[in-house]
Protein backbone atom coordinates (compact mmCIF):
# COMPACT_ATOMS: atom_id res chain seq x y z
CA MET A 1 1.93 73.28 61.71
CA LYS A 2 -1.49 74.67 62.61
CA ARG A 3 0.06 77.98 63.69
CA TRP A 4 2.07 78.17 60.44
CA LEU A 5 -1.08 77.56 58.31
CA SER A 6 -2.95 80.18 60.31
CA ARG A 7 -0.22 82.76 59.66
CA LEU A 8 -0.07 81.83 55.99
CA PHE A 9 -3.83 82.28 55.67
CA ALA A 10 -3.70 85.67 57.44
CA PHE A 11 -0.88 86.84 55.16
CA ALA A 12 -2.69 85.67 52.01
CA SER A 13 -5.89 87.43 53.15
CA ALA A 14 -4.03 90.66 53.82
CA MET A 15 -2.34 90.54 50.41
CA THR A 16 -5.73 90.00 48.72
CA VAL A 17 -7.16 93.08 50.46
CA VAL A 18 -4.14 95.18 49.46
CA SER A 19 -4.41 93.93 45.88
CA LEU A 20 -8.12 94.73 45.64
CA ALA A 21 -7.71 98.18 47.18
CA GLY A 22 -5.19 99.15 44.51
CA ALA A 23 -7.42 98.03 41.66
CA HIS A 24 -9.85 100.95 41.54
CA ALA A 25 -9.65 103.93 39.20
CA PHE A 26 -9.47 106.95 41.50
CA LEU A 27 -9.47 110.55 40.34
CA ASP A 28 -5.84 111.68 40.06
CA HIS A 29 -6.34 115.26 38.88
CA ALA A 30 -8.67 117.38 36.77
CA THR A 31 -8.78 120.49 34.61
CA PRO A 32 -10.24 122.78 35.89
CA ALA A 33 -8.69 121.60 39.13
CA VAL A 34 -10.86 120.35 41.98
CA GLY A 35 -12.14 123.34 43.98
CA SER A 36 -10.44 125.86 41.71
CA ALA A 37 -11.57 129.22 40.38
CA VAL A 38 -10.91 129.91 36.69
CA ARG A 39 -11.20 133.26 34.95
CA ALA A 40 -12.14 131.88 31.54
CA SER A 41 -14.67 129.20 30.69
CA PRO A 42 -12.90 125.96 29.76
CA ALA A 43 -13.74 124.31 26.43
CA GLN A 44 -13.63 120.90 28.10
CA VAL A 45 -13.58 119.41 31.56
CA LYS A 46 -10.86 116.76 31.77
CA LEU A 47 -10.41 114.13 34.45
CA TRP A 48 -7.37 111.86 34.80
CA PHE A 49 -7.66 108.61 36.75
CA THR A 50 -5.17 106.24 38.34
CA GLN A 51 -6.18 103.33 36.08
CA GLU A 52 -7.32 102.89 32.49
CA LEU A 53 -11.06 103.23 31.98
CA GLU A 54 -13.64 101.16 30.15
CA PRO A 55 -15.14 103.70 27.68
CA ALA A 56 -18.58 102.08 27.37
CA PHE A 57 -19.21 102.34 31.12
CA SER A 58 -17.55 105.61 32.13
CA SER A 59 -19.36 108.93 32.26
CA VAL A 60 -19.00 112.52 33.42
CA ARG A 61 -21.55 115.34 33.72
CA VAL A 62 -21.17 119.04 34.43
CA MET A 63 -24.07 120.77 36.21
CA ASP A 64 -24.81 124.34 37.19
CA ARG A 65 -25.77 125.48 40.69
CA SER A 66 -29.40 124.41 40.18
CA GLY A 67 -28.39 120.90 39.10
CA ARG A 68 -29.14 121.41 35.40
CA GLN A 69 -26.74 119.55 33.13
CA VAL A 70 -24.75 122.09 31.11
CA ASP A 71 -22.16 119.99 29.28
CA LYS A 72 -22.56 119.08 25.60
CA GLY A 73 -23.35 115.43 26.35
CA ASP A 74 -20.25 114.06 24.64
CA PRO A 75 -18.22 112.35 27.38
CA GLN A 76 -15.41 110.19 26.06
CA VAL A 77 -12.37 108.29 27.20
CA ASP A 78 -9.34 109.43 25.24
CA ARG A 79 -8.22 106.74 22.74
CA ALA A 80 -4.52 107.52 23.17
CA GLU A 81 -4.63 108.03 26.95
CA ALA A 82 -7.18 105.62 28.48
CA THR A 83 -6.87 107.25 31.91
CA LEU A 84 -8.37 110.51 30.59
CA LEU A 85 -12.13 111.15 30.58
CA ARG A 86 -13.37 114.43 29.12
CA VAL A 87 -16.56 116.26 28.18
CA SER A 88 -17.09 119.45 26.19
CA VAL A 89 -18.84 122.44 27.71
CA PRO A 90 -20.33 125.55 26.11
CA GLN A 91 -19.24 129.02 27.19
CA LEU A 92 -19.96 128.94 30.92
CA ALA A 93 -21.25 132.00 32.75
CA ALA A 94 -19.74 133.04 36.06
CA GLY A 95 -20.83 130.65 38.79
CA THR A 96 -20.20 127.35 40.55
CA TYR A 97 -20.26 124.12 38.56
CA ARG A 98 -20.41 120.56 39.83
CA VAL A 99 -18.63 117.75 37.98
CA ALA A 100 -19.99 114.26 38.70
CA TRP A 101 -18.27 111.16 37.38
CA ARG A 102 -18.77 107.41 37.43
CA VAL A 103 -16.12 105.19 35.90
CA LEU A 104 -15.40 101.52 35.38
CA SER A 105 -11.73 100.60 35.34
CA VAL A 106 -10.60 97.98 32.83
CA ASP A 107 -10.31 95.54 35.74
CA THR A 108 -14.10 95.94 36.39
CA HIS A 109 -14.12 98.11 39.53
CA VAL A 110 -16.57 101.04 39.64
CA THR A 111 -15.80 104.32 41.40
CA GLU A 112 -17.71 107.58 41.42
CA GLY A 113 -17.41 111.03 42.85
CA ASP A 114 -17.89 114.71 42.28
CA PHE A 115 -16.21 118.06 42.78
CA THR A 116 -16.87 121.72 42.07
CA PHE A 117 -15.06 124.54 40.35
CA ASP A 118 -15.95 128.21 39.90
CA VAL A 119 -15.90 130.40 36.83
CA VAL A 120 -15.19 133.94 38.03
CA PRO A 121 -15.49 137.20 36.11
């Protein structure tokens, strides 16, 4: 009986870890794509996540090579597609831009990360 309870506890613990690991909103894809080079400045930077986001606690910033924020300061989670976070950007000059995001999924897990893309002439 003791061995059976021990195995049951180990299984339940493993299932809890698997369940918690799948509960975070991870970056699925973005436009411009992670590490890409685009010929024209995008009007918006869009990030899609693996889980729905909590709008009040999710943010994204776009910065130039020197770390200066260049987006229009209007990040928002899409009302119709709660996995989409976007921010508007002005006409971007040629160069490398860093996108930094921090999101809270609707199940209360926070994730954050960053990536770059290049605007080329």
